[in-house]
């Protein structure tokens, strides 16, 4: 099954989790572990995002990494999470980031969840989302928002299952 469907009309969607004190419990399957971003991991971030279908080219992934993280590289060590398989290969990622301009009392910004295509379906997404939300809470966030789109409709269902709710973004916020 395609996890990204570009044949659908593209519509921006925003979802919010209003309660980072009560995050659903999900454990990683055996043989996997969480690791934090370290120097040089941007190549793995791009590789995972590209494999998941988020980007169509490596160059597009590298440009996105630079756009979102070039000025926040040191913070990634605390905020960017990977899942490694039993061979030490990074196979999934998510980032527990923050809004530079908070929206009301929302300060967290969950983004760039991706799992390599060959690892999709291995029950990694819910534990990864949980780990990122726990990290956000530990860093002082009480609420978080995320941006997604209709192209990733399976992810939307996943986020709703994890306690996110639709959020209306006013034009003045963006």
Protein backbone atom coordinates (compact mmCIF):
# COMPACT_ATOMS: atom_id res chain seq x y z
CA UNK A 1 0.00 0.00 0.00
CA UNK A 2 1.27 3.47 -0.86
CA UNK A 3 1.78 5.62 2.23
CA UNK A 4 2.01 8.79 0.16
CA UNK A 5 -0.59 9.27 -2.55
CA UNK A 6 0.20 12.24 -4.77
CA UNK A 7 -2.88 11.57 -6.91
CA UNK A 8 -5.03 13.07 -4.15
CA UNK A 9 -5.69 16.79 -4.15
CA UNK A 10 -3.14 18.44 -1.84
CA UNK A 11 -4.68 20.11 1.20
CA UNK A 12 -2.71 21.33 4.23
CA UNK A 13 -3.90 19.84 7.50
CA UNK A 14 -2.98 20.85 11.04
CA UNK A 15 -3.47 18.59 14.03
CA UNK A 16 -2.88 19.37 17.70
CA UNK A 17 -2.22 17.24 20.76
CA UNK A 18 -3.56 19.16 23.75
CA UNK A 19 -2.40 16.76 26.46
CA UNK A 20 1.24 15.68 26.48
CA UNK A 21 0.77 14.44 30.06
CA UNK A 22 -1.30 11.49 28.82
CA UNK A 23 0.46 9.84 25.90
CA UNK A 24 -0.67 6.40 24.79
CA UNK A 25 1.78 3.60 25.57
CA UNK A 26 3.46 1.78 22.67
CA UNK A 27 6.69 -0.24 22.82
CA UNK A 28 9.21 -0.75 20.06
CA UNK A 29 9.28 -4.25 18.61
CA UNK A 30 12.19 -6.47 19.63
CA UNK A 31 15.45 -5.71 17.83
CA UNK A 32 14.87 -1.95 17.51
CA UNK A 33 16.04 0.93 19.69
CA UNK A 34 15.79 4.71 19.86
CA UNK A 35 18.91 6.80 19.28
CA UNK A 36 19.47 10.54 19.17
CA UNK A 37 20.79 12.60 16.29
CA UNK A 38 24.58 12.92 16.17
CA UNK A 39 26.95 14.78 13.87
CA UNK A 40 26.67 13.50 10.31
CA UNK A 41 23.20 11.99 10.75
CA UNK A 42 21.67 14.43 8.29
CA UNK A 43 22.56 11.93 5.53
CA UNK A 44 20.46 9.27 7.31
CA UNK A 45 17.61 11.71 7.81
CA UNK A 46 17.58 12.44 4.07
CA UNK A 47 17.90 8.73 3.24
CA UNK A 48 14.91 7.81 5.42
CA UNK A 49 12.74 10.67 4.15
CA UNK A 50 13.62 9.81 0.54
CA UNK A 51 12.89 6.10 1.04
CA UNK A 52 9.54 6.89 2.66
CA UNK A 53 8.48 8.85 -0.42
CA UNK A 54 8.50 12.27 1.23
CA UNK A 55 11.00 13.52 -1.32
CA UNK A 56 11.40 12.57 -4.94
CA UNK A 57 15.16 13.30 -5.08
CA UNK A 58 18.09 13.29 -2.68
CA UNK A 59 18.72 16.94 -3.54
CA UNK A 60 15.16 17.84 -2.51
CA UNK A 61 15.76 16.11 0.86
CA UNK A 62 19.08 17.88 1.41
CA UNK A 63 17.46 21.23 0.63
CA UNK A 64 14.64 20.54 3.10
CA UNK A 65 17.11 19.58 5.82
CA UNK A 66 19.00 22.82 5.27
CA UNK A 67 15.81 24.88 5.22
CA UNK A 68 14.43 23.43 8.45
CA UNK A 69 17.52 22.59 10.46
CA UNK A 70 20.61 24.50 9.27
CA UNK A 71 20.15 27.10 12.01
CA UNK A 72 19.16 24.52 14.63
CA UNK A 73 21.78 21.83 14.13
CA UNK A 74 22.87 21.64 17.79
CA UNK A 75 19.26 21.35 18.96
CA UNK A 76 18.74 18.27 16.82
CA UNK A 77 20.93 16.26 19.20
CA UNK A 78 18.21 16.71 21.80
CA UNK A 79 15.15 16.78 19.55
CA UNK A 80 15.65 14.49 16.54
CA UNK A 81 15.02 10.81 17.19
CA UNK A 82 15.93 7.80 15.07
CA UNK A 83 15.01 4.16 15.32
CA UNK A 84 17.86 1.76 14.64
CA UNK A 85 17.42 -1.89 13.71
CA UNK A 86 19.48 -4.71 15.24
CA UNK A 87 22.29 -4.01 12.74
CA UNK A 88 22.62 -0.34 13.74
CA UNK A 89 20.90 0.92 10.56
CA UNK A 90 18.75 4.01 11.03
CA UNK A 91 15.33 3.12 9.64
CA UNK A 92 12.94 5.78 10.99
CA UNK A 93 12.98 9.33 12.29
CA UNK A 94 10.83 12.04 13.88
CA UNK A 95 11.59 15.41 15.40
CA UNK A 96 10.25 16.85 18.66
CA UNK A 97 10.74 20.46 17.67
CA UNK A 98 9.23 23.74 18.79
CA UNK A 99 7.39 26.67 17.29
CA UNK A 100 9.53 29.76 17.00
CA UNK A 101 6.28 31.74 17.18
CA UNK A 102 3.90 29.89 19.51
CA UNK A 103 0.24 29.66 18.54
CA UNK A 104 -1.80 30.56 21.61
CA UNK A 105 -0.38 28.15 24.24
CA UNK A 106 0.95 25.62 21.70
CA UNK A 107 4.76 25.58 21.73
CA UNK A 108 5.67 22.10 20.43
CA UNK A 109 6.04 21.30 16.74
CA UNK A 110 6.09 17.60 15.84
CA UNK A 111 7.53 17.04 12.40
CA UNK A 112 9.21 14.90 9.77
CA UNK A 113 8.01 11.47 10.84
CA UNK A 114 9.30 8.97 8.28
CA UNK A 115 10.02 5.26 8.07
CA UNK A 116 12.04 3.61 5.33
CA UNK A 117 9.72 1.91 2.88
CA UNK A 118 11.00 -1.61 3.64
CA UNK A 119 10.33 -1.09 7.38
CA UNK A 120 6.83 0.31 7.04
CA UNK A 121 4.31 -2.07 8.57
CA UNK A 122 6.74 -3.19 11.31
CA UNK A 123 4.86 -1.32 14.08
CA UNK A 124 7.44 1.44 14.42
CA UNK A 125 5.32 4.57 13.91
CA UNK A 126 3.29 4.61 17.14
CA UNK A 127 6.32 3.99 19.40
CA UNK A 128 8.24 6.68 17.49
CA UNK A 129 5.43 9.21 17.84
CA UNK A 130 5.16 8.34 21.54
CA UNK A 131 8.90 8.82 22.05
CA UNK A 132 8.82 12.22 20.33
CA UNK A 133 5.82 13.35 22.37
CA UNK A 134 7.51 12.20 25.59
CA UNK A 135 10.60 14.17 24.60
CA UNK A 136 8.49 17.26 23.98
CA UNK A 137 6.91 16.93 27.40
CA UNK A 138 10.34 16.51 29.00
CA UNK A 139 11.47 19.69 27.23
CA UNK A 140 8.56 21.61 28.77
CA UNK A 141 5.92 21.55 26.05
CA UNK A 142 2.35 20.92 27.16
CA UNK A 143 0.80 20.95 23.67
CA UNK A 144 2.10 20.30 20.19
CA UNK A 145 0.94 20.87 16.66
CA UNK A 146 1.86 19.17 13.44
CA UNK A 147 1.43 19.90 9.78
CA UNK A 148 0.47 17.13 7.41
CA UNK A 149 -1.49 16.92 4.19
CA UNK A 150 -4.02 14.83 2.34
CA UNK A 151 -1.21 13.08 0.40
CA UNK A 152 -0.31 11.29 3.64
CA UNK A 153 -3.83 10.26 4.60
CA UNK A 154 -2.61 7.12 6.38
CA UNK A 155 -0.46 9.30 8.64
CA UNK A 156 -3.49 11.45 9.42
CA UNK A 157 -5.34 8.39 10.72
CA UNK A 158 -2.30 7.39 12.74
CA UNK A 159 -2.05 10.85 14.34
CA UNK A 160 -5.76 10.82 15.20
CA UNK A 161 -5.31 7.39 16.81
CA UNK A 162 -2.44 8.88 18.87
CA UNK A 163 -4.62 11.62 20.38
CA UNK A 164 -4.19 14.45 17.90
CA UNK A 165 -7.24 16.48 16.88
CA UNK A 166 -7.92 18.74 13.90
CA UNK A 167 -6.82 22.32 14.41
CA UNK A 168 -7.88 25.33 12.39
CA UNK A 169 -4.98 27.56 11.44
CA UNK A 170 -5.88 31.19 10.93
CA UNK A 171 -4.07 33.00 8.15
CA UNK A 172 -2.60 35.36 10.74
CA UNK A 173 -0.64 32.39 12.21
CA UNK A 174 1.22 31.52 9.01
